Amino acid sequence: MTTVQINLPDELAQKAASAGLLSAEAMEAMLREQLRRRAGEALQAMWQRLPQEELTPEIEQEIVEQVRQVRAAQQGRGAN
């Protein structure tokens, strides 16, 4: 387990603490969500750079299935 220390403006820290956002569980959930979002954005950016004529429906379906498998594996581990 890693300990992380951050500096926040007092008002923001107080509001976040009051909302329960500074708990280890809340911070973990927010970080996981951000990592997931950024991975999705990177995938979309990569997708946009690919030549569209090479992206067949079969390849697109294969990508969708791979994403579903990864998500299912993450849910199975409770990684949300």
C-alpha atoms as a PDB file:
ATOM      1  CA  MET A   1       0.000   0.000   0.000  1.00  0.00           C
ATOM      2  CA  THR A   2       1.288   3.465  -0.885  1.00  0.00           C
ATOM      3  CA  THR A   3       0.675   6.626   1.111  1.00  0.00           C
ATOM      4  CA  VAL A   4       0.095   9.795  -0.904  1.00  0.00           C
ATOM      5  CA  GLN A   5       0.184  13.310   0.485  1.00  0.00           C
ATOM      6  CA  ILE A   6      -1.412  16.208  -1.409  1.00  0.00           C
ATOM      7  CA  ASN A   7      -1.704  19.924  -0.733  1.00  0.00           C
ATOM      8  CA  LEU A   8      -5.119  21.487  -1.277  1.00  0.00           C
ATOM      9  CA  PRO A   9      -6.541  24.921  -0.589  1.00  0.00           C
ATOM     10  CA  ASP A  10      -8.150  24.862   2.870  1.00  0.00           C
ATOM     11  CA  GLU A  11     -11.658  25.612   1.616  1.00  0.00           C
ATOM     12  CA  LEU A  12     -11.506  22.867  -1.012  1.00  0.00           C
ATOM     13  CA  ALA A  13     -10.140  20.358   1.501  1.00  0.00           C
ATOM     14  CA  GLN A  14     -12.902  21.189   3.989  1.00  0.00           C
ATOM     15  CA  LYS A  15     -15.648  20.851   1.381  1.00  0.00           C
ATOM     16  CA  ALA A  16     -14.172  17.611   0.032  1.00  0.00           C
ATOM     17  CA  ALA A  17     -13.844  16.176   3.540  1.00  0.00           C
ATOM     18  CA  SER A  18     -17.435  17.181   4.363  1.00  0.00           C
ATOM     19  CA  ALA A  19     -18.613  15.411   1.207  1.00  0.00           C
ATOM     20  CA  GLY A  20     -16.663  12.281   2.136  1.00  0.00           C
ATOM     21  CA  LEU A  21     -14.365  12.615  -0.857  1.00  0.00           C
ATOM     22  CA  LEU A  22     -11.088  12.375   1.052  1.00  0.00           C
ATOM     23  CA  SER A  23     -11.592   8.874   2.371  1.00  0.00           C
ATOM     24  CA  ALA A  24      -9.283   6.199   1.008  1.00  0.00           C
ATOM     25  CA  GLU A  25     -12.228   4.448  -0.638  1.00  0.00           C
ATOM     26  CA  ALA A  26     -13.507   7.619  -2.318  1.00  0.00           C
ATOM     27  CA  MET A  27     -10.049   8.591  -3.527  1.00  0.00           C
ATOM     28  CA  GLU A  28      -9.466   5.096  -4.911  1.00  0.00           C
ATOM     29  CA  ALA A  29     -12.785   5.177  -6.766  1.00  0.00           C
ATOM     30  CA  MET A  30     -12.060   8.624  -8.229  1.00  0.00           C
ATOM     31  CA  LEU A  31      -8.569   7.621  -9.341  1.00  0.00           C
ATOM     32  CA  ARG A  32      -9.807   4.407 -10.938  1.00  0.00           C
ATOM     33  CA  GLU A  33     -12.526   6.338 -12.769  1.00  0.00           C
ATOM     34  CA  GLN A  34     -10.022   8.884 -14.062  1.00  0.00           C
ATOM     35  CA  LEU A  35      -7.660   6.147 -15.237  1.00  0.00           C
ATOM     36  CA  ARG A  36     -10.539   4.406 -17.013  1.00  0.00           C
ATOM     37  CA  ARG A  37     -11.663   7.684 -18.603  1.00  0.00           C
ATOM     38  CA  ARG A  38      -8.147   8.536 -19.787  1.00  0.00           C
ATOM     39  CA  ALA A  39      -7.682   5.054 -21.233  1.00  0.00           C
ATOM     40  CA  GLY A  40     -10.934   5.501 -23.145  1.00  0.00           C
ATOM     41  CA  GLU A  41      -9.825   8.896 -24.411  1.00  0.00           C
ATOM     42  CA  ALA A  42      -6.492   7.442 -25.535  1.00  0.00           C
ATOM     43  CA  LEU A  43      -8.309   4.637 -27.348  1.00  0.00           C
ATOM     44  CA  GLN A  44     -10.592   7.131 -29.068  1.00  0.00           C
ATOM     45  CA  ALA A  45      -7.610   9.256 -30.106  1.00  0.00           C
ATOM     46  CA  MET A  46      -5.858   6.201 -31.492  1.00  0.00           C
ATOM     47  CA  TRP A  47      -9.044   5.196 -33.291  1.00  0.00           C
ATOM     48  CA  GLN A  48      -9.241   8.647 -34.912  1.00  0.00           C
ATOM     49  CA  ARG A  49      -5.662   8.351 -36.193  1.00  0.00           C
ATOM     50  CA  LEU A  50      -6.329   5.013 -37.908  1.00  0.00           C
ATOM     51  CA  PRO A  51      -7.113   5.122 -41.618  1.00  0.00           C
ATOM     52  CA  GLN A  52     -10.878   4.675 -41.766  1.00  0.00           C
ATOM     53  CA  GLU A  53     -10.791   2.423 -44.829  1.00  0.00           C
ATOM     54  CA  GLU A  54      -8.804  -0.184 -42.859  1.00  0.00           C
ATOM     55  CA  LEU A  55     -11.329  -0.372 -40.028  1.00  0.00           C
ATOM     56  CA  THR A  56     -13.716  -3.050 -41.195  1.00  0.00           C
ATOM     57  CA  PRO A  57     -16.874  -4.003 -39.290  1.00  0.00           C
ATOM     58  CA  GLU A  58     -15.177  -7.270 -38.354  1.00  0.00           C
ATOM     59  CA  ILE A  59     -12.197  -5.467 -36.798  1.00  0.00           C
ATOM     60  CA  GLU A  60     -14.518  -3.059 -35.011  1.00  0.00           C
ATOM     61  CA  GLN A  61     -16.497  -5.990 -33.557  1.00  0.00           C
ATOM     62  CA  GLU A  62     -13.289  -7.647 -32.432  1.00  0.00           C
ATOM     63  CA  ILE A  63     -12.246  -4.469 -30.605  1.00  0.00           C
ATOM     64  CA  VAL A  64     -15.653  -4.226 -28.937  1.00  0.00           C
ATOM     65  CA  GLU A  65     -15.406  -7.843 -27.784  1.00  0.00           C
ATOM     66  CA  GLN A  66     -11.904  -7.307 -26.397  1.00  0.00           C
ATOM     67  CA  VAL A  67     -13.103  -4.272 -24.424  1.00  0.00           C
ATOM     68  CA  ARG A  68     -16.037  -6.277 -23.051  1.00  0.00           C
ATOM     69  CA  GLN A  69     -13.703  -9.073 -21.961  1.00  0.00           C
ATOM     70  CA  VAL A  70     -11.384  -6.657 -20.156  1.00  0.00           C
ATOM     71  CA  ARG A  71     -14.312  -4.984 -18.408  1.00  0.00           C
ATOM     72  CA  ALA A  72     -15.755  -8.342 -17.368  1.00  0.00           C
ATOM     73  CA  ALA A  73     -12.386  -9.421 -15.983  1.00  0.00           C
ATOM     74  CA  GLN A  74     -12.081  -6.166 -14.027  1.00  0.00           C
ATOM     75  CA  GLN A  75     -15.584  -6.537 -12.614  1.00  0.00           C
ATOM     76  CA  GLY A  76     -14.809 -10.122 -11.675  1.00  0.00           C
ATOM     77  CA  ARG A  77     -11.860  -8.886  -9.632  1.00  0.00           C
ATOM     78  CA  GLY A  78     -13.947  -6.112  -8.083  1.00  0.00           C
ATOM     79  CA  ALA A  79     -11.727  -3.473  -9.696  1.00  0.00           C
ATOM     80  CA  ASN A  80     -14.657  -1.373 -10.976  1.00  0.00           C
END
